């Protein structure tokens, strides 16, 4: 398939060219003190911060999907591969976001490896958002979608719905979906009950106080997310304790796996060879 045709289909599916406010500038400045990535980036990427980052070959031979791109992931790719991910840079719970090496960018250019990512457009997508797919895996019906993280596109990064399952049952269902490489942990139980009740699902690094406040306003009694065990989650955990909210952690990486697997199917429907490349959690 022609790369430009594939990029056009992805842009249309995710509304990539309409998204505003999904700004990665601060993080790029932080992880790239020497901004060598600009030598390889597509014109127009900086400012939009979504879509085609590295051009690659004119013809796409195969697609690889990942949650976080890393030097290891790119090192595994065959020439002519089109890499699709949620994020533009690597991530580990400690120390946080990480750069791609100059050598990795040089290899992408040399071997015709294209690189396309969508962050807010996938987090808010009506079909393949992490929160929606994790909720579906746990059998939690979506009653409401909320918490937009960017403008210009619809939807939100969080969903909520009622469940008659226990926290342990939800954790087991999520673990079965995410697979053995991902630890799924019941971090906090509600006082006096095993029931999950009204469940908010915020895929990715959603262990955030603001996200919990928005969820509590919608009646959340339990909260499923990632990033609970990072140093940034202290205020989130304190509020969960104060309001007696059950908490399940599936890691930032793990809760964003389902969209990538779904996109493998999307690419295959276009007649492309596609696979998911695991690389975490770290």
C-alpha atoms as a PDB file:
ATOM      1  CA  UNK A   1       0.000   0.000   0.000  1.00  0.00           C
ATOM      2  CA  UNK A   2       1.157   3.521  -0.691  1.00  0.00           C
ATOM      3  CA  UNK A   3       2.278   5.235   2.484  1.00  0.00           C
ATOM      4  CA  UNK A   4       0.359   8.392   1.674  1.00  0.00           C
ATOM      5  CA  UNK A   5      -2.852   6.380   1.204  1.00  0.00           C
ATOM      6  CA  UNK A   6      -2.362   4.678   4.561  1.00  0.00           C
ATOM      7  CA  UNK A   7      -1.605   7.957   6.314  1.00  0.00           C
ATOM      8  CA  UNK A   8      -4.741   9.489   4.782  1.00  0.00           C
ATOM      9  CA  UNK A   9      -6.854   6.608   6.095  1.00  0.00           C
ATOM     10  CA  UNK A  10      -5.338   6.925   9.574  1.00  0.00           C
ATOM     11  CA  UNK A  11      -5.803  10.705   9.599  1.00  0.00           C
ATOM     12  CA  UNK A  12      -9.471  10.263   8.681  1.00  0.00           C
ATOM     13  CA  UNK A  13     -10.097   7.464  11.213  1.00  0.00           C
ATOM     14  CA  UNK A  14      -8.583   9.377  14.123  1.00  0.00           C
ATOM     15  CA  UNK A  15      -9.299  12.986  13.141  1.00  0.00           C
ATOM     16  CA  UNK A  16      -5.568  13.548  13.444  1.00  0.00           C
ATOM     17  CA  UNK A  17      -5.437  16.792  11.464  1.00  0.00           C
ATOM     18  CA  UNK A  18      -8.156  18.379  13.606  1.00  0.00           C
ATOM     19  CA  UNK A  19      -6.711  17.734  17.060  1.00  0.00           C
ATOM     20  CA  UNK A  20      -5.562  20.760  19.070  1.00  0.00           C
ATOM     21  CA  UNK A  21      -3.921  21.097  22.464  1.00  0.00           C
ATOM     22  CA  UNK A  22      -2.284  17.654  22.631  1.00  0.00           C
ATOM     23  CA  UNK A  23       1.031  19.405  23.161  1.00  0.00           C
ATOM     24  CA  UNK A  24       4.208  17.368  23.607  1.00  0.00           C
ATOM     25  CA  UNK A  25       6.565  20.329  23.320  1.00  0.00           C
ATOM     26  CA  UNK A  26       7.541  20.433  27.003  1.00  0.00           C
ATOM     27  CA  UNK A  27       8.298  16.717  27.125  1.00  0.00           C
ATOM     28  CA  UNK A  28      10.275  16.807  23.879  1.00  0.00           C
ATOM     29  CA  UNK A  29      12.327  19.724  25.242  1.00  0.00           C
ATOM     30  CA  UNK A  30      12.891  17.751  28.454  1.00  0.00           C
ATOM     31  CA  UNK A  31      13.989  14.449  26.939  1.00  0.00           C
ATOM     32  CA  UNK A  32      15.817  15.918  23.922  1.00  0.00           C
ATOM     33  CA  UNK A  33      18.216  18.607  25.268  1.00  0.00           C
ATOM     34  CA  UNK A  34      19.785  18.308  21.812  1.00  0.00           C
ATOM     35  CA  UNK A  35      16.723  18.395  19.498  1.00  0.00           C
ATOM     36  CA  UNK A  36      18.127  16.075  16.835  1.00  0.00           C
ATOM     37  CA  UNK A  37      14.644  14.586  16.301  1.00  0.00           C
ATOM     38  CA  UNK A  38      13.770  17.673  14.233  1.00  0.00           C
ATOM     39  CA  UNK A  39      16.228  16.532  11.563  1.00  0.00           C
ATOM     40  CA  UNK A  40      14.019  13.515  10.902  1.00  0.00           C
ATOM     41  CA  UNK A  41      10.497  14.792  11.633  1.00  0.00           C
ATOM     42  CA  UNK A  42       7.913  15.472   8.960  1.00  0.00           C
ATOM     43  CA  UNK A  43       7.120  19.150   8.254  1.00  0.00           C
ATOM     44  CA  UNK A  44       4.043  20.138  10.238  1.00  0.00           C
ATOM     45  CA  UNK A  45       4.454  17.487  12.916  1.00  0.00           C
ATOM     46  CA  UNK A  46       5.772  19.983  15.465  1.00  0.00           C
ATOM     47  CA  UNK A  47       2.719  21.921  16.599  1.00  0.00           C
ATOM     48  CA  UNK A  48       0.273  19.148  15.745  1.00  0.00           C
ATOM     49  CA  UNK A  49       2.168  16.531  17.789  1.00  0.00           C
ATOM     50  CA  UNK A  50       0.194  13.663  16.252  1.00  0.00           C
ATOM     51  CA  UNK A  51       0.299  11.793  12.967  1.00  0.00           C
ATOM     52  CA  UNK A  52       3.242  11.041  10.704  1.00  0.00           C
ATOM     53  CA  UNK A  53       6.486  11.758  12.541  1.00  0.00           C
ATOM     54  CA  UNK A  54       8.991   9.933  10.299  1.00  0.00           C
ATOM     55  CA  UNK A  55       8.165   9.520   6.594  1.00  0.00           C
ATOM     56  CA  UNK A  56       9.626   6.108   5.802  1.00  0.00           C
ATOM     57  CA  UNK A  57       9.370   4.396   2.426  1.00  0.00           C
ATOM     58  CA  UNK A  58       6.797   5.344  -0.201  1.00  0.00           C
ATOM     59  CA  UNK A  59       5.402   1.802  -0.110  1.00  0.00           C
ATOM     60  CA  UNK A  60       4.388   0.155   3.176  1.00  0.00           C
ATOM     61  CA  UNK A  61       5.325  -3.514   3.259  1.00  0.00           C
ATOM     62  CA  UNK A  62       4.222  -4.350   6.811  1.00  0.00           C
ATOM     63  CA  UNK A  63       2.983  -2.667   9.999  1.00  0.00           C
ATOM     64  CA  UNK A  64       4.138  -3.034  13.596  1.00  0.00           C
ATOM     65  CA  UNK A  65       2.030  -1.628  16.457  1.00  0.00           C
ATOM     66  CA  UNK A  66       3.357  -0.789  19.914  1.00  0.00           C
ATOM     67  CA  UNK A  67       2.304   1.226  22.963  1.00  0.00           C
ATOM     68  CA  UNK A  68       5.577   3.124  23.459  1.00  0.00           C
ATOM     69  CA  UNK A  69       8.204   3.290  20.711  1.00  0.00           C
ATOM     70  CA  UNK A  70      11.680   2.430  21.964  1.00  0.00           C
ATOM     71  CA  UNK A  71      15.148   1.855  20.571  1.00  0.00           C
ATOM     72  CA  UNK A  72      14.545  -1.865  21.151  1.00  0.00           C
ATOM     73  CA  UNK A  73      11.252  -1.877  19.226  1.00  0.00           C
ATOM     74  CA  UNK A  74      12.696  -0.039  16.244  1.00  0.00           C
ATOM     75  CA  UNK A  75      15.722  -2.330  16.341  1.00  0.00           C
ATOM     76  CA  UNK A  76      13.429  -5.324  15.819  1.00  0.00           C
ATOM     77  CA  UNK A  77      11.755  -3.938  12.709  1.00  0.00           C
ATOM     78  CA  UNK A  78      12.473  -5.073   9.190  1.00  0.00           C
ATOM     79  CA  UNK A  79      13.229  -2.428   6.548  1.00  0.00           C
ATOM     80  CA  UNK A  80      10.087  -0.953   5.025  1.00  0.00           C
ATOM     81  CA  UNK A  81       7.990  -1.404   8.191  1.00  0.00           C
ATOM     82  CA  UNK A  82       5.430   1.227   9.166  1.00  0.00           C
ATOM     83  CA  UNK A  83       5.458   1.692  12.961  1.00  0.00           C
ATOM     84  CA  UNK A  84       2.199   2.711  14.648  1.00  0.00           C
ATOM     85  CA  UNK A  85       2.005   3.684  18.329  1.00  0.00           C
ATOM     86  CA  UNK A  86       0.079   5.772  20.815  1.00  0.00           C
ATOM     87  CA  UNK A  87       3.095   7.771  21.988  1.00  0.00           C
ATOM     88  CA  UNK A  88       5.928   9.541  20.172  1.00  0.00           C
ATOM     89  CA  UNK A  89       8.586   8.666  22.792  1.00  0.00           C
ATOM     90  CA  UNK A  90       9.421   5.803  25.133  1.00  0.00           C
ATOM     91  CA  UNK A  91       8.302   5.619  28.768  1.00  0.00           C
ATOM     92  CA  UNK A  92       9.176   3.837  31.994  1.00  0.00           C
ATOM     93  CA  UNK A  93       7.341   4.289  35.285  1.00  0.00           C
ATOM     94  CA  UNK A  94      10.732   5.353  36.628  1.00  0.00           C
ATOM     95  CA  UNK A  95      12.156   7.745  35.469  1.00  0.00           C
ATOM     96  CA  UNK A  96       9.327   8.656  33.060  1.00  0.00           C
ATOM     97  CA  UNK A  97       9.472   9.600  29.386  1.00  0.00           C
ATOM     98  CA  UNK A  98      12.632   8.653  27.510  1.00  0.00           C
ATOM     99  CA  UNK A  99      14.140   9.748  24.169  1.00  0.00           C
ATOM    100  CA  UNK A 100      14.716   7.723  21.054  1.00  0.00           C
ATOM    101  CA  UNK A 101      18.428   7.703  20.213  1.00  0.00           C
ATOM    102  CA  UNK A 102      19.744   9.623  17.230  1.00  0.00           C
ATOM    103  CA  UNK A 103      20.886   6.250  15.858  1.00  0.00           C
ATOM    104  CA  UNK A 104      17.275   5.030  15.991  1.00  0.00           C
ATOM    105  CA  UNK A 105      16.067   7.962  13.903  1.00  0.00           C
ATOM    106  CA  UNK A 106      18.955   7.448  11.500  1.00  0.00           C
ATOM    107  CA  UNK A 107      18.056   3.781  11.138  1.00  0.00           C
ATOM    108  CA  UNK A 108      14.418   4.644  10.407  1.00  0.00           C
ATOM    109  CA  UNK A 109      15.530   6.975   7.627  1.00  0.00           C
ATOM    110  CA  UNK A 110      18.104   4.543   6.230  1.00  0.00           C
ATOM    111  CA  UNK A 111      15.773   1.526   6.226  1.00  0.00           C
ATOM    112  CA  UNK A 112      12.570   3.259   5.131  1.00  0.00           C
ATOM    113  CA  UNK A 113      10.782   2.771   8.463  1.00  0.00           C
ATOM    114  CA  UNK A 114       7.815   5.106   8.813  1.00  0.00           C
ATOM    115  CA  UNK A 115       6.513   6.182  12.213  1.00  0.00           C
ATOM    116  CA  UNK A 116       2.956   7.362  12.911  1.00  0.00           C
ATOM    117  CA  UNK A 117       1.383   7.903  16.316  1.00  0.00           C
ATOM    118  CA  UNK A 118      -1.850   9.218  17.816  1.00  0.00           C
ATOM    119  CA  UNK A 119      -2.190  10.120  21.490  1.00  0.00           C
ATOM    120  CA  UNK A 120      -5.355  12.088  22.312  1.00  0.00           C
ATOM    121  CA  UNK A 121      -7.056  10.852  19.114  1.00  0.00           C
ATOM    122  CA  UNK A 122      -6.764   7.249  20.292  1.00  0.00           C
ATOM    123  CA  UNK A 123      -7.507   8.049  23.958  1.00  0.00           C
ATOM    124  CA  UNK A 124     -10.774   9.693  22.916  1.00  0.00           C
ATOM    125  CA  UNK A 125     -11.689   7.398  20.043  1.00  0.00           C
ATOM    126  CA  UNK A 126     -15.284   6.053  19.990  1.00  0.00           C
ATOM    127  CA  UNK A 127     -14.171   2.545  18.992  1.00  0.00           C
ATOM    128  CA  UNK A 128     -10.603   1.812  20.053  1.00  0.00           C
ATOM    129  CA  UNK A 129      -9.880   3.999  23.082  1.00  0.00           C
ATOM    130  CA  UNK A 130      -7.951   2.267  25.908  1.00  0.00           C
ATOM    131  CA  UNK A 131     -10.689   3.033  28.430  1.00  0.00           C
ATOM    132  CA  UNK A 132     -13.481   1.654  26.238  1.00  0.00           C
ATOM    133  CA  UNK A 133     -11.619  -1.526  25.358  1.00  0.00           C
ATOM    134  CA  UNK A 134     -10.519  -2.181  28.956  1.00  0.00           C
ATOM    135  CA  UNK A 135     -14.102  -1.600  30.138  1.00  0.00           C
ATOM    136  CA  UNK A 136     -15.390  -4.033  27.525  1.00  0.00           C
ATOM    137  CA  UNK A 137     -12.850  -6.658  28.598  1.00  0.00           C
ATOM    138  CA  UNK A 138     -14.098  -6.358  32.178  1.00  0.00           C
ATOM    139  CA  UNK A 139     -17.765  -6.430  31.200  1.00  0.00           C
ATOM    140  CA  UNK A 140     -18.359  -2.838  32.339  1.00  0.00           C
ATOM    141  CA  UNK A 141     -20.981  -1.148  30.121  1.00  0.00           C
ATOM    142  CA  UNK A 142     -20.208   2.450  29.166  1.00  0.00           C
ATOM    143  CA  UNK A 143     -22.838   4.794  30.551  1.00  0.00           C
ATOM    144  CA  UNK A 144     -20.842   7.974  29.998  1.00  0.00           C
ATOM    145  CA  UNK A 145     -17.612   9.123  28.354  1.00  0.00           C
ATOM    146  CA  UNK A 146     -15.806  12.148  29.786  1.00  0.00           C
ATOM    147  CA  UNK A 147     -12.444  13.801  30.529  1.00  0.00           C
ATOM    148  CA  UNK A 148     -11.304  15.116  27.126  1.00  0.00           C
ATOM    149  CA  UNK A 149      -7.555  15.756  26.986  1.00  0.00           C
ATOM    150  CA  UNK A 150      -7.503  17.695  23.696  1.00  0.00           C
ATOM    151  CA  UNK A 151      -9.731  19.873  21.520  1.00  0.00           C
ATOM    152  CA  UNK A 152     -10.904  19.574  17.951  1.00  0.00           C
ATOM    153  CA  UNK A 153     -12.066  15.965  18.313  1.00  0.00           C
ATOM    154  CA  UNK A 154     -14.969  14.431  20.213  1.00  0.00           C
ATOM    155  CA  UNK A 155     -15.024  11.997  23.084  1.00  0.00           C
ATOM    156  CA  UNK A 156     -13.121  11.696  26.327  1.00  0.00           C
ATOM    157  CA  UNK A 157     -10.310   9.662  27.858  1.00  0.00           C
ATOM    158  CA  UNK A 158     -12.471   8.147  30.632  1.00  0.00           C
ATOM    159  CA  UNK A 159     -15.608   6.008  30.745  1.00  0.00           C
ATOM    160  CA  UNK A 160     -17.859   4.930  33.596  1.00  0.00           C
ATOM    161  CA  UNK A 161     -20.517   2.300  34.109  1.00  0.00           C
ATOM    162  CA  UNK A 162     -22.137   0.028  36.690  1.00  0.00           C
ATOM    163  CA  UNK A 163     -20.895  -3.483  37.392  1.00  0.00           C
ATOM    164  CA  UNK A 164     -22.205  -6.321  39.557  1.00  0.00           C
ATOM    165  CA  UNK A 165     -18.721  -7.893  39.686  1.00  0.00           C
ATOM    166  CA  UNK A 166     -16.252  -7.809  42.554  1.00  0.00           C
ATOM    167  CA  UNK A 167     -12.946  -5.988  42.322  1.00  0.00           C
ATOM    168  CA  UNK A 168     -11.159  -9.337  42.141  1.00  0.00           C
ATOM    169  CA  UNK A 169     -13.359 -10.449  39.244  1.00  0.00           C
ATOM    170  CA  UNK A 170     -12.672  -7.226  37.356  1.00  0.00           C
ATOM    171  CA  UNK A 171      -8.935  -7.626  37.954  1.00  0.00           C
ATOM    172  CA  UNK A 172      -9.040 -11.235  36.703  1.00  0.00           C
ATOM    173  CA  UNK A 173     -10.894 -10.227  33.541  1.00  0.00           C
ATOM    174  CA  UNK A 174      -8.490  -7.379  32.860  1.00  0.00           C
ATOM    175  CA  UNK A 175      -5.473  -9.620  33.455  1.00  0.00           C
ATOM    176  CA  UNK A 176      -6.862 -12.178  31.008  1.00  0.00           C
ATOM    177  CA  UNK A 177      -7.200  -9.435  28.374  1.00  0.00           C
ATOM    178  CA  UNK A 178      -3.782  -7.836  28.901  1.00  0.00           C
ATOM    179  CA  UNK A 179      -1.784 -11.057  29.093  1.00  0.00           C
ATOM    180  CA  UNK A 180       0.921 -12.489  31.333  1.00  0.00           C
ATOM    181  CA  UNK A 181       3.505  -9.742  30.807  1.00  0.00           C
ATOM    182  CA  UNK A 182       1.262  -7.204  32.593  1.00  0.00           C
ATOM    183  CA  UNK A 183       0.725  -7.251  36.378  1.00  0.00           C
ATOM    184  CA  UNK A 184      -2.858  -6.365  37.340  1.00  0.00           C
ATOM    185  CA  UNK A 185      -3.229  -5.464  41.003  1.00  0.00           C
ATOM    186  CA  UNK A 186      -6.148  -4.668  43.323  1.00  0.00           C
ATOM    187  CA  UNK A 187      -4.481  -1.732  45.056  1.00  0.00           C
ATOM    188  CA  UNK A 188      -7.309  -0.696  47.330  1.00  0.00           C
ATOM    189  CA  UNK A 189     -10.557  -2.359  48.409  1.00  0.00           C
ATOM    190  CA  UNK A 190     -13.734  -0.629  49.470  1.00  0.00           C
ATOM    191  CA  UNK A 191     -14.571  -0.799  53.158  1.00  0.00           C
ATOM    192  CA  UNK A 192     -17.023  -3.551  54.080  1.00  0.00           C
ATOM    193  CA  UNK A 193     -17.730  -4.829  50.554  1.00  0.00           C
ATOM    194  CA  UNK A 194     -16.110  -6.727  47.688  1.00  0.00           C
ATOM    195  CA  UNK A 195     -18.457  -5.150  45.123  1.00  0.00           C
ATOM    196  CA  UNK A 196     -16.968  -2.859  42.494  1.00  0.00           C
ATOM    197  CA  UNK A 197     -20.183  -0.878  42.059  1.00  0.00           C
ATOM    198  CA  UNK A 198     -19.907   2.069  39.691  1.00  0.00           C
ATOM    199  CA  UNK A 199     -16.597   1.708  37.872  1.00  0.00           C
ATOM    200  CA  UNK A 200     -14.552   4.458  36.235  1.00  0.00           C
ATOM    201  CA  UNK A 201     -11.976   3.290  33.687  1.00  0.00           C
ATOM    202  CA  UNK A 202      -9.162   5.645  32.715  1.00  0.00           C
ATOM    203  CA  UNK A 203      -6.662   3.814  30.526  1.00  0.00           C
ATOM    204  CA  UNK A 204      -2.989   4.776  30.473  1.00  0.00           C
ATOM    205  CA  UNK A 205      -1.387   6.806  33.244  1.00  0.00           C
ATOM    206  CA  UNK A 206      -4.741   7.859  34.677  1.00  0.00           C
ATOM    207  CA  UNK A 207      -3.852   7.688  38.385  1.00  0.00           C
ATOM    208  CA  UNK A 208      -4.443  11.409  38.568  1.00  0.00           C
ATOM    209  CA  UNK A 209      -6.331  13.360  41.213  1.00  0.00           C
ATOM    210  CA  UNK A 210      -8.244  15.435  38.666  1.00  0.00           C
ATOM    211  CA  UNK A 211      -9.396  12.288  36.858  1.00  0.00           C
ATOM    212  CA  UNK A 212     -10.611  10.841  40.149  1.00  0.00           C
ATOM    213  CA  UNK A 213     -12.434  14.066  41.048  1.00  0.00           C
ATOM    214  CA  UNK A 214     -14.258  14.004  37.692  1.00  0.00           C
ATOM    215  CA  UNK A 215     -15.102  10.341  38.235  1.00  0.00           C
ATOM    216  CA  UNK A 216     -16.383  10.895  41.780  1.00  0.00           C
ATOM    217  CA  UNK A 217     -18.693  13.590  40.413  1.00  0.00           C
ATOM    218  CA  UNK A 218     -20.221  10.814  38.279  1.00  0.00           C
ATOM    219  CA  UNK A 219     -20.644   8.443  41.203  1.00  0.00           C
ATOM    220  CA  UNK A 220     -17.470   6.377  40.873  1.00  0.00           C
ATOM    221  CA  UNK A 221     -17.005   3.768  43.592  1.00  0.00           C
ATOM    222  CA  UNK A 222     -14.113   1.966  41.898  1.00  0.00           C
ATOM    223  CA  UNK A 223     -11.381   3.178  39.551  1.00  0.00           C
ATOM    224  CA  UNK A 224      -9.365   1.156  37.021  1.00  0.00           C
ATOM    225  CA  UNK A 225      -6.250   2.717  35.558  1.00  0.00           C
ATOM    226  CA  UNK A 226      -2.451   2.579  35.274  1.00  0.00           C
ATOM    227  CA  UNK A 227       0.405   4.418  36.931  1.00  0.00           C
ATOM    228  CA  UNK A 228      -0.786   3.901  40.514  1.00  0.00           C
ATOM    229  CA  UNK A 229       2.682   2.820  41.658  1.00  0.00           C
ATOM    230  CA  UNK A 230       4.511   5.883  40.350  1.00  0.00           C
ATOM    231  CA  UNK A 231       5.663   8.742  42.550  1.00  0.00           C
ATOM    232  CA  UNK A 232       3.149  11.015  40.813  1.00  0.00           C
ATOM    233  CA  UNK A 233       0.123   9.147  42.189  1.00  0.00           C
ATOM    234  CA  UNK A 234       0.313  10.221  45.841  1.00  0.00           C
ATOM    235  CA  UNK A 235      -2.523  12.779  45.658  1.00  0.00           C
ATOM    236  CA  UNK A 236      -4.678  10.334  43.703  1.00  0.00           C
ATOM    237  CA  UNK A 237      -4.203   7.604  46.310  1.00  0.00           C
ATOM    238  CA  UNK A 238      -4.873   9.998  49.186  1.00  0.00           C
ATOM    239  CA  UNK A 239      -8.210  11.010  47.664  1.00  0.00           C
ATOM    240  CA  UNK A 240      -9.108   7.383  46.928  1.00  0.00           C
ATOM    241  CA  UNK A 241      -8.488   6.584  50.594  1.00  0.00           C
ATOM    242  CA  UNK A 242     -10.486   9.597  51.743  1.00  0.00           C
ATOM    243  CA  UNK A 243     -13.482   8.743  49.553  1.00  0.00           C
ATOM    244  CA  UNK A 244     -13.215   4.951  49.964  1.00  0.00           C
ATOM    245  CA  UNK A 245     -12.717   4.173  46.283  1.00  0.00           C
ATOM    246  CA  UNK A 246     -11.625   0.725  45.115  1.00  0.00           C
ATOM    247  CA  UNK A 247      -8.558   0.906  42.877  1.00  0.00           C
ATOM    248  CA  UNK A 248      -7.188  -1.520  40.279  1.00  0.00           C
ATOM    249  CA  UNK A 249      -3.886  -0.904  38.485  1.00  0.00           C
ATOM    250  CA  UNK A 250      -3.079  -2.489  35.121  1.00  0.00           C
ATOM    251  CA  UNK A 251      -0.022  -0.272  34.460  1.00  0.00           C
ATOM    252  CA  UNK A 252       0.196   2.616  32.019  1.00  0.00           C
ATOM    253  CA  UNK A 253       1.620   0.309  29.355  1.00  0.00           C
ATOM    254  CA  UNK A 254      -0.783  -2.560  29.991  1.00  0.00           C
ATOM    255  CA  UNK A 255      -4.033  -0.620  29.845  1.00  0.00           C
ATOM    256  CA  UNK A 256      -2.996   0.815  26.476  1.00  0.00           C
ATOM    257  CA  UNK A 257      -2.306  -2.558  24.855  1.00  0.00           C
ATOM    258  CA  UNK A 258      -5.911  -3.265  23.717  1.00  0.00           C
ATOM    259  CA  UNK A 259      -6.063  -0.400  21.174  1.00  0.00           C
ATOM    260  CA  UNK A 260      -2.816  -1.559  19.592  1.00  0.00           C
ATOM    261  CA  UNK A 261      -4.131  -5.092  19.190  1.00  0.00           C
ATOM    262  CA  UNK A 262      -7.343  -3.679  17.737  1.00  0.00           C
ATOM    263  CA  UNK A 263      -5.328  -1.639  15.246  1.00  0.00           C
ATOM    264  CA  UNK A 264      -3.455  -4.768  14.147  1.00  0.00           C
ATOM    265  CA  UNK A 265      -6.850  -6.064  13.024  1.00  0.00           C
ATOM    266  CA  UNK A 266      -7.610  -2.718  11.356  1.00  0.00           C
ATOM    267  CA  UNK A 267      -4.386  -2.860   9.334  1.00  0.00           C
ATOM    268  CA  UNK A 268      -4.972  -6.490   8.389  1.00  0.00           C
ATOM    269  CA  UNK A 269      -8.392  -5.586   7.022  1.00  0.00           C
ATOM    270  CA  UNK A 270      -6.553  -3.280   4.627  1.00  0.00           C
ATOM    271  CA  UNK A 271      -4.598  -6.294   3.411  1.00  0.00           C
ATOM    272  CA  UNK A 272      -1.393  -5.409   5.266  1.00  0.00           C
ATOM    273  CA  UNK A 273       0.748  -7.779   7.286  1.00  0.00           C
ATOM    274  CA  UNK A 274       0.615  -6.488  10.872  1.00  0.00           C
ATOM    275  CA  UNK A 275       1.700  -7.501  14.368  1.00  0.00           C
ATOM    276  CA  UNK A 276       1.825  -6.139  17.911  1.00  0.00           C
ATOM    277  CA  UNK A 277       5.321  -5.721  19.370  1.00  0.00           C
ATOM    278  CA  UNK A 278       5.372  -6.052  23.186  1.00  0.00           C
ATOM    279  CA  UNK A 279       7.882  -3.925  25.104  1.00  0.00           C
ATOM    280  CA  UNK A 280       6.999  -3.559  28.729  1.00  0.00           C
ATOM    281  CA  UNK A 281       5.934  -2.628  31.261  1.00  0.00           C
ATOM    282  CA  UNK A 282       9.162  -0.974  32.350  1.00  0.00           C
END
